[in-house]
């Protein structure tokens, strides 16, 4: 299992201090120290354009060695933003969310690829040399 930090009460909760506090609470209760950060909702103040900043900061925490952070959630759709449902459904734009604001596919893809590159370059995620694997 894992806990999802979405932010709330007008405040984000993906910062290192909050994550450390949550880890301590999980440890105290003998629960898995596994946290997923929701880059949307309260952590981005419901502004889809801020999800990238949240994700980059969380990736930085993982690269810095935070092992409790096991994943991130992005609110994404084909096109950015959102739209209201109107009485005339033919007015809806294909690929735009009818619920929460979302980032578009291109930005989502760029973020995921950038995170993959950053995490892949981190020493704790480096693949050991083949000769090391052979001796294990």
N, C-alpha and C. Protein backbone atom coordinates (compact mmCIF):
# COMPACT_ATOMS: atom_id res chain seq x y z
N UNK A 1 0.81 -1.18 0.00
CA UNK A 1 0.00 0.00 0.00
C UNK A 1 0.86 1.26 0.00
N UNK A 2 0.23 2.36 -0.21
CA UNK A 2 0.91 3.66 -0.19
C UNK A 2 -0.10 4.73 0.19
N UNK A 3 0.43 5.87 0.56
CA UNK A 3 -0.41 7.02 0.87
C UNK A 3 -0.21 8.04 -0.25
N UNK A 4 -1.27 8.75 -0.59
CA UNK A 4 -1.20 9.77 -1.63
C UNK A 4 -1.33 11.13 -0.97
N UNK A 5 -0.35 11.99 -1.21
CA UNK A 5 -0.40 13.36 -0.70
C UNK A 5 -0.89 14.26 -1.82
N UNK A 6 -2.07 14.87 -1.60
CA UNK A 6 -2.70 15.69 -2.62
C UNK A 6 -2.65 17.18 -2.30
N UNK A 7 -2.18 17.53 -1.12
CA UNK A 7 -2.29 18.91 -0.68
C UNK A 7 -3.69 19.14 -0.14
N UNK A 8 -3.87 20.21 0.59
CA UNK A 8 -5.19 20.51 1.11
C UNK A 8 -5.15 21.65 2.09
N UNK A 9 -6.33 22.18 2.40
CA UNK A 9 -6.40 23.29 3.33
C UNK A 9 -5.67 24.52 2.80
N UNK A 10 -5.61 24.64 1.47
CA UNK A 10 -4.93 25.78 0.88
C UNK A 10 -3.42 25.67 0.87
N UNK A 11 -2.88 24.47 1.19
CA UNK A 11 -1.42 24.29 1.25
C UNK A 11 -1.01 23.03 0.50
N UNK A 12 0.15 23.09 -0.13
CA UNK A 12 0.70 21.86 -0.70
C UNK A 12 1.29 20.99 0.41
N UNK A 13 1.52 19.71 0.13
CA UNK A 13 2.15 18.85 1.13
C UNK A 13 3.17 17.89 0.50
N UNK A 14 3.87 18.37 -0.51
CA UNK A 14 4.91 17.56 -1.14
C UNK A 14 6.31 17.99 -0.71
N UNK A 15 6.42 18.99 0.14
CA UNK A 15 7.73 19.49 0.57
C UNK A 15 8.44 18.47 1.44
N UNK A 16 9.76 18.60 1.55
CA UNK A 16 10.55 17.61 2.28
C UNK A 16 10.15 17.49 3.74
N UNK A 17 9.78 18.60 4.38
CA UNK A 17 9.40 18.55 5.79
C UNK A 17 8.12 17.73 5.98
N UNK A 18 7.13 17.97 5.13
CA UNK A 18 5.88 17.22 5.25
C UNK A 18 6.10 15.75 4.93
N UNK A 19 6.85 15.48 3.88
CA UNK A 19 7.11 14.09 3.52
C UNK A 19 7.83 13.37 4.67
N UNK A 20 8.80 14.02 5.28
CA UNK A 20 9.51 13.42 6.42
C UNK A 20 8.57 13.16 7.58
N UNK A 21 7.66 14.08 7.84
CA UNK A 21 6.68 13.91 8.91
C UNK A 21 5.76 12.71 8.61
N UNK A 22 5.32 12.59 7.36
CA UNK A 22 4.46 11.47 6.98
C UNK A 22 5.22 10.16 7.13
N UNK A 23 6.47 10.12 6.70
CA UNK A 23 7.28 8.91 6.86
C UNK A 23 7.37 8.52 8.33
N UNK A 24 7.60 9.49 9.20
CA UNK A 24 7.67 9.20 10.64
C UNK A 24 6.35 8.63 11.16
N UNK A 25 5.23 9.18 10.68
CA UNK A 25 3.92 8.68 11.10
C UNK A 25 3.70 7.25 10.61
N UNK A 26 4.10 6.97 9.39
CA UNK A 26 3.96 5.61 8.86
C UNK A 26 4.84 4.64 9.63
N UNK A 27 6.08 5.04 9.88
CA UNK A 27 7.02 4.19 10.61
C UNK A 27 6.50 3.88 12.01
N UNK A 28 5.97 4.90 12.68
CA UNK A 28 5.44 4.74 14.04
C UNK A 28 4.30 3.71 14.08
N UNK A 29 3.59 3.61 12.98
CA UNK A 29 2.44 2.70 12.91
C UNK A 29 2.77 1.39 12.19
N UNK A 30 4.06 1.16 11.92
CA UNK A 30 4.51 -0.04 11.22
C UNK A 30 3.82 -0.23 9.88
N UNK A 31 3.66 0.85 9.15
CA UNK A 31 3.06 0.82 7.83
C UNK A 31 4.14 1.05 6.77
N UNK A 32 3.90 0.60 5.56
CA UNK A 32 4.90 0.81 4.50
C UNK A 32 5.21 2.30 4.32
N UNK A 33 6.48 2.61 4.20
CA UNK A 33 6.91 3.99 3.99
C UNK A 33 6.91 4.26 2.49
N UNK A 34 5.71 4.33 1.94
CA UNK A 34 5.52 4.48 0.50
C UNK A 34 4.56 5.64 0.25
N UNK A 35 5.06 6.65 -0.46
CA UNK A 35 4.28 7.86 -0.69
C UNK A 35 4.24 8.18 -2.18
N UNK A 36 3.03 8.50 -2.65
CA UNK A 36 2.82 8.98 -4.01
C UNK A 36 2.39 10.44 -3.90
N UNK A 37 2.98 11.29 -4.70
CA UNK A 37 2.62 12.71 -4.69
C UNK A 37 1.69 12.99 -5.87
N UNK A 38 0.55 13.56 -5.57
CA UNK A 38 -0.38 14.04 -6.60
C UNK A 38 0.10 15.44 -6.97
N UNK A 39 0.58 15.60 -8.18
CA UNK A 39 1.12 16.90 -8.62
C UNK A 39 0.02 17.90 -8.95
N UNK A 40 -1.22 17.46 -8.92
CA UNK A 40 -2.35 18.33 -9.22
C UNK A 40 -3.04 18.71 -7.91
N UNK A 41 -4.30 18.94 -7.97
CA UNK A 41 -5.17 19.28 -6.85
C UNK A 41 -4.53 20.32 -5.92
N UNK A 42 -4.51 20.08 -4.63
CA UNK A 42 -3.99 21.07 -3.68
C UNK A 42 -2.51 21.34 -3.82
N UNK A 43 -1.76 20.37 -4.35
CA UNK A 43 -0.32 20.58 -4.50
C UNK A 43 0.03 21.56 -5.61
N UNK A 44 -0.89 21.77 -6.54
CA UNK A 44 -0.66 22.77 -7.60
C UNK A 44 -1.66 23.91 -7.49
N UNK A 45 -2.36 23.95 -6.38
CA UNK A 45 -3.42 24.95 -6.17
C UNK A 45 -4.44 24.89 -7.31
N UNK A 46 -4.70 23.66 -7.76
CA UNK A 46 -5.65 23.37 -8.84
C UNK A 46 -5.36 24.14 -10.13
N UNK A 47 -4.09 24.45 -10.35
CA UNK A 47 -3.65 25.13 -11.57
C UNK A 47 -2.81 24.13 -12.36
N UNK A 48 -3.36 23.61 -13.44
CA UNK A 48 -2.67 22.58 -14.22
C UNK A 48 -1.30 23.02 -14.71
N UNK A 49 -1.09 24.31 -14.82
CA UNK A 49 0.21 24.83 -15.29
C UNK A 49 1.30 24.69 -14.22
N UNK A 50 0.93 24.44 -12.97
CA UNK A 50 1.92 24.33 -11.89
C UNK A 50 2.34 22.88 -11.63
N UNK A 51 1.68 21.92 -12.27
CA UNK A 51 2.02 20.52 -12.05
C UNK A 51 3.48 20.22 -12.38
N UNK A 52 3.99 20.84 -13.43
CA UNK A 52 5.39 20.60 -13.83
C UNK A 52 6.35 21.01 -12.72
N UNK A 53 6.09 22.15 -12.09
CA UNK A 53 6.96 22.60 -10.99
C UNK A 53 6.93 21.60 -9.83
N UNK A 54 5.74 21.14 -9.50
CA UNK A 54 5.60 20.17 -8.40
C UNK A 54 6.37 18.91 -8.76
N UNK A 55 6.17 18.40 -9.96
CA UNK A 55 6.84 17.16 -10.36
C UNK A 55 8.35 17.31 -10.33
N UNK A 56 8.86 18.43 -10.84
CA UNK A 56 10.30 18.63 -10.85
C UNK A 56 10.87 18.68 -9.43
N UNK A 57 10.15 19.29 -8.51
CA UNK A 57 10.62 19.33 -7.13
C UNK A 57 10.61 17.95 -6.49
N UNK A 58 9.60 17.15 -6.79
CA UNK A 58 9.53 15.80 -6.24
C UNK A 58 10.63 14.92 -6.84
N UNK A 59 10.86 15.04 -8.14
CA UNK A 59 11.96 14.29 -8.76
C UNK A 59 13.28 14.68 -8.08
N UNK A 60 13.46 15.95 -7.79
CA UNK A 60 14.66 16.40 -7.08
C UNK A 60 14.80 15.75 -5.71
N UNK A 61 13.70 15.58 -5.01
CA UNK A 61 13.74 14.93 -3.70
C UNK A 61 14.13 13.45 -3.85
N UNK A 62 13.61 12.80 -4.89
CA UNK A 62 13.95 11.39 -5.12
C UNK A 62 15.43 11.27 -5.47
N UNK A 63 15.90 12.12 -6.37
CA UNK A 63 17.32 12.10 -6.76
C UNK A 63 18.20 12.36 -5.54
N UNK A 64 17.74 13.21 -4.62
CA UNK A 64 18.50 13.52 -3.41
C UNK A 64 18.49 12.36 -2.41
N UNK A 65 17.72 11.31 -2.71
CA UNK A 65 17.78 10.12 -1.86
C UNK A 65 16.53 9.77 -1.09
N UNK A 66 15.44 10.47 -1.28
CA UNK A 66 14.22 10.13 -0.55
C UNK A 66 13.62 8.86 -1.11
N UNK A 67 13.76 7.77 -0.37
CA UNK A 67 13.31 6.44 -0.81
C UNK A 67 11.82 6.21 -0.58
N UNK A 68 11.18 7.04 0.22
CA UNK A 68 9.75 6.86 0.50
C UNK A 68 8.89 7.31 -0.68
N UNK A 69 9.41 8.21 -1.49
CA UNK A 69 8.65 8.72 -2.64
C UNK A 69 8.73 7.69 -3.76
N UNK A 70 7.60 7.03 -4.00
CA UNK A 70 7.60 5.93 -4.98
C UNK A 70 6.88 6.27 -6.27
N UNK A 71 6.24 7.43 -6.34
CA UNK A 71 5.54 7.78 -7.57
C UNK A 71 4.91 9.15 -7.52
N UNK A 72 4.43 9.57 -8.68
CA UNK A 72 3.75 10.85 -8.81
C UNK A 72 2.54 10.66 -9.71
N UNK A 73 1.55 11.50 -9.50
CA UNK A 73 0.35 11.49 -10.34
C UNK A 73 0.26 12.83 -11.05
N UNK A 74 -0.09 12.78 -12.33
CA UNK A 74 -0.32 13.99 -13.11
C UNK A 74 -1.75 13.97 -13.63
N UNK A 75 -2.37 15.12 -13.67
CA UNK A 75 -3.71 15.22 -14.25
C UNK A 75 -3.51 15.67 -15.69
N UNK A 76 -3.80 14.77 -16.63
CA UNK A 76 -3.42 14.97 -18.01
C UNK A 76 -4.55 14.56 -18.94
N UNK A 77 -4.59 15.19 -20.09
CA UNK A 77 -5.55 14.85 -21.13
C UNK A 77 -4.88 15.15 -22.47
N UNK A 78 -5.60 15.00 -23.55
CA UNK A 78 -5.00 15.24 -24.87
C UNK A 78 -4.62 16.71 -25.06
N UNK A 79 -5.51 17.60 -24.60
CA UNK A 79 -5.27 19.05 -24.74
C UNK A 79 -5.34 19.68 -23.35
N UNK A 80 -4.62 20.80 -23.15
CA UNK A 80 -4.60 21.42 -21.83
C UNK A 80 -5.91 22.15 -21.48
N UNK A 81 -6.10 22.34 -20.17
CA UNK A 81 -7.24 23.10 -19.67
C UNK A 81 -8.44 22.22 -19.37
N UNK A 82 -9.60 22.85 -19.33
CA UNK A 82 -10.86 22.13 -19.16
C UNK A 82 -11.97 22.96 -19.79
N UNK A 83 -13.15 22.39 -19.82
CA UNK A 83 -14.30 23.07 -20.41
C UNK A 83 -15.56 22.64 -19.69
N UNK A 84 -16.53 23.53 -19.63
CA UNK A 84 -17.80 23.15 -19.00
C UNK A 84 -18.64 22.32 -19.98
N UNK A 85 -19.51 21.50 -19.41
CA UNK A 85 -20.46 20.77 -20.25
C UNK A 85 -21.61 21.71 -20.54
N UNK A 86 -21.87 21.91 -21.82
CA UNK A 86 -22.97 22.79 -22.20
C UNK A 86 -24.16 21.95 -22.64
N UNK A 87 -25.32 22.59 -22.74
CA UNK A 87 -26.53 21.89 -23.20
C UNK A 87 -26.31 21.36 -24.61
N UNK A 88 -25.57 22.10 -25.42
CA UNK A 88 -25.27 21.68 -26.78
C UNK A 88 -23.93 20.95 -26.78
N UNK A 89 -23.98 19.64 -26.69
CA UNK A 89 -22.75 18.84 -26.58
C UNK A 89 -21.87 18.95 -27.82
N UNK A 90 -22.41 19.41 -28.92
CA UNK A 90 -21.60 19.56 -30.13
C UNK A 90 -20.59 20.69 -29.95
N UNK A 91 -20.76 21.51 -28.93
CA UNK A 91 -19.83 22.62 -28.67
C UNK A 91 -18.59 22.17 -27.90
N UNK A 92 -18.60 20.92 -27.39
CA UNK A 92 -17.44 20.41 -26.66
C UNK A 92 -16.27 20.19 -27.61
N UNK A 93 -15.09 20.55 -27.12
CA UNK A 93 -13.87 20.33 -27.90
C UNK A 93 -13.29 18.97 -27.55
N UNK A 94 -13.08 18.14 -28.54
CA UNK A 94 -12.52 16.82 -28.34
C UNK A 94 -11.14 16.92 -27.67
N UNK A 95 -10.91 16.08 -26.66
CA UNK A 95 -9.60 16.01 -26.03
C UNK A 95 -9.37 17.00 -24.91
N UNK A 96 -10.40 17.79 -24.54
CA UNK A 96 -10.28 18.74 -23.44
C UNK A 96 -11.15 18.23 -22.29
N UNK A 97 -10.58 18.18 -21.10
CA UNK A 97 -11.28 17.67 -19.93
C UNK A 97 -12.59 18.41 -19.66
N UNK A 98 -13.57 17.66 -19.17
CA UNK A 98 -14.83 18.28 -18.73
C UNK A 98 -14.90 18.30 -17.20
N UNK A 99 -13.82 17.90 -16.56
CA UNK A 99 -13.76 17.96 -15.10
C UNK A 99 -12.65 18.93 -14.69
N UNK A 100 -11.60 18.42 -14.05
CA UNK A 100 -10.51 19.27 -13.59
C UNK A 100 -9.65 19.75 -14.76
N UNK A 101 -8.91 20.84 -14.50
CA UNK A 101 -7.94 21.32 -15.48
C UNK A 101 -6.83 20.29 -15.63
N UNK A 102 -6.44 20.05 -16.85
CA UNK A 102 -5.39 19.07 -17.14
C UNK A 102 -4.29 19.71 -17.98
N UNK A 103 -3.10 19.13 -17.87
CA UNK A 103 -2.05 19.51 -18.80
C UNK A 103 -2.27 18.71 -20.08
N UNK A 104 -1.76 19.21 -21.19
CA UNK A 104 -1.91 18.53 -22.46
C UNK A 104 -0.91 17.40 -22.62
N UNK A 105 -1.13 16.58 -23.65
CA UNK A 105 -0.30 15.41 -23.87
C UNK A 105 1.16 15.77 -24.10
N UNK A 106 1.45 16.79 -24.90
CA UNK A 106 2.85 17.12 -25.21
C UNK A 106 3.62 17.46 -23.94
N UNK A 107 3.03 18.28 -23.08
CA UNK A 107 3.70 18.64 -21.83
C UNK A 107 3.87 17.41 -20.94
N UNK A 108 2.85 16.56 -20.89
CA UNK A 108 2.93 15.33 -20.09
C UNK A 108 4.09 14.47 -20.56
N UNK A 109 4.17 14.27 -21.87
CA UNK A 109 5.25 13.46 -22.43
C UNK A 109 6.62 14.06 -22.11
N UNK A 110 6.75 15.37 -22.29
CA UNK A 110 8.03 16.03 -21.98
C UNK A 110 8.42 15.86 -20.52
N UNK A 111 7.45 16.01 -19.62
CA UNK A 111 7.73 15.86 -18.18
C UNK A 111 8.17 14.45 -17.83
N UNK A 112 7.47 13.48 -18.37
CA UNK A 112 7.80 12.08 -18.06
C UNK A 112 9.18 11.74 -18.60
N UNK A 113 9.48 12.16 -19.80
CA UNK A 113 10.80 11.88 -20.38
C UNK A 113 11.91 12.59 -19.61
N UNK A 114 11.67 13.83 -19.18
CA UNK A 114 12.67 14.56 -18.39
C UNK A 114 12.89 13.88 -17.04
N UNK A 115 11.81 13.44 -16.40
CA UNK A 115 11.94 12.75 -15.11
C UNK A 115 12.72 11.45 -15.29
N UNK A 116 12.43 10.72 -16.36
CA UNK A 116 13.14 9.48 -16.64
C UNK A 116 14.64 9.74 -16.79
N UNK A 117 14.98 10.80 -17.50
CA UNK A 117 16.39 11.15 -17.70
C UNK A 117 17.05 11.52 -16.38
N UNK A 118 16.38 12.36 -15.57
CA UNK A 118 16.95 12.77 -14.28
C UNK A 118 17.12 11.58 -13.35
N UNK A 119 16.11 10.76 -13.27
CA UNK A 119 16.18 9.62 -12.36
C UNK A 119 17.19 8.59 -12.85
N UNK A 120 17.28 8.41 -14.15
CA UNK A 120 18.24 7.46 -14.71
C UNK A 120 19.68 7.88 -14.46
N UNK A 121 19.90 9.18 -14.33
CA UNK A 121 21.26 9.69 -14.09
C UNK A 121 21.62 9.66 -12.60
N UNK A 122 20.64 9.43 -11.73
CA UNK A 122 20.90 9.41 -10.29
C UNK A 122 21.65 8.14 -9.92
N UNK A 123 22.69 8.26 -9.09
CA UNK A 123 23.51 7.08 -8.75
C UNK A 123 22.70 5.92 -8.18
N UNK A 124 21.68 6.20 -7.37
CA UNK A 124 20.94 5.10 -6.75
C UNK A 124 20.10 4.32 -7.75
N UNK A 125 19.92 4.85 -8.96
CA UNK A 125 19.15 4.16 -9.98
C UNK A 125 20.01 3.65 -11.13
N UNK A 126 21.29 3.85 -11.03
CA UNK A 126 22.20 3.41 -12.09
C UNK A 126 22.22 1.88 -12.15
N UNK A 127 22.30 1.35 -13.35
CA UNK A 127 22.40 -0.09 -13.53
C UNK A 127 23.83 -0.51 -13.23
N UNK A 128 24.00 -1.50 -12.36
CA UNK A 128 25.36 -1.95 -12.06
C UNK A 128 26.02 -2.56 -13.31
N UNK A 129 27.33 -2.48 -13.38
CA UNK A 129 28.04 -3.10 -14.51
C UNK A 129 27.70 -4.57 -14.62
N UNK A 130 27.75 -5.12 -15.84
CA UNK A 130 27.37 -6.51 -16.09
C UNK A 130 28.17 -7.48 -15.23
N UNK A 131 29.46 -7.18 -15.01
CA UNK A 131 30.28 -8.11 -14.20
C UNK A 131 29.79 -8.16 -12.75
N UNK A 132 29.24 -7.06 -12.25
CA UNK A 132 28.69 -7.04 -10.89
C UNK A 132 27.43 -7.91 -10.83
N UNK A 133 26.59 -7.81 -11.84
CA UNK A 133 25.38 -8.62 -11.88
C UNK A 133 25.68 -10.12 -11.95
N UNK A 134 26.76 -10.45 -12.64
CA UNK A 134 27.12 -11.86 -12.79
C UNK A 134 27.57 -12.48 -11.48
N UNK A 135 28.10 -11.69 -10.55
CA UNK A 135 28.59 -12.23 -9.28
C UNK A 135 27.54 -12.28 -8.20
N UNK A 136 26.36 -11.72 -8.45
CA UNK A 136 25.31 -11.67 -7.42
C UNK A 136 24.56 -12.96 -7.38
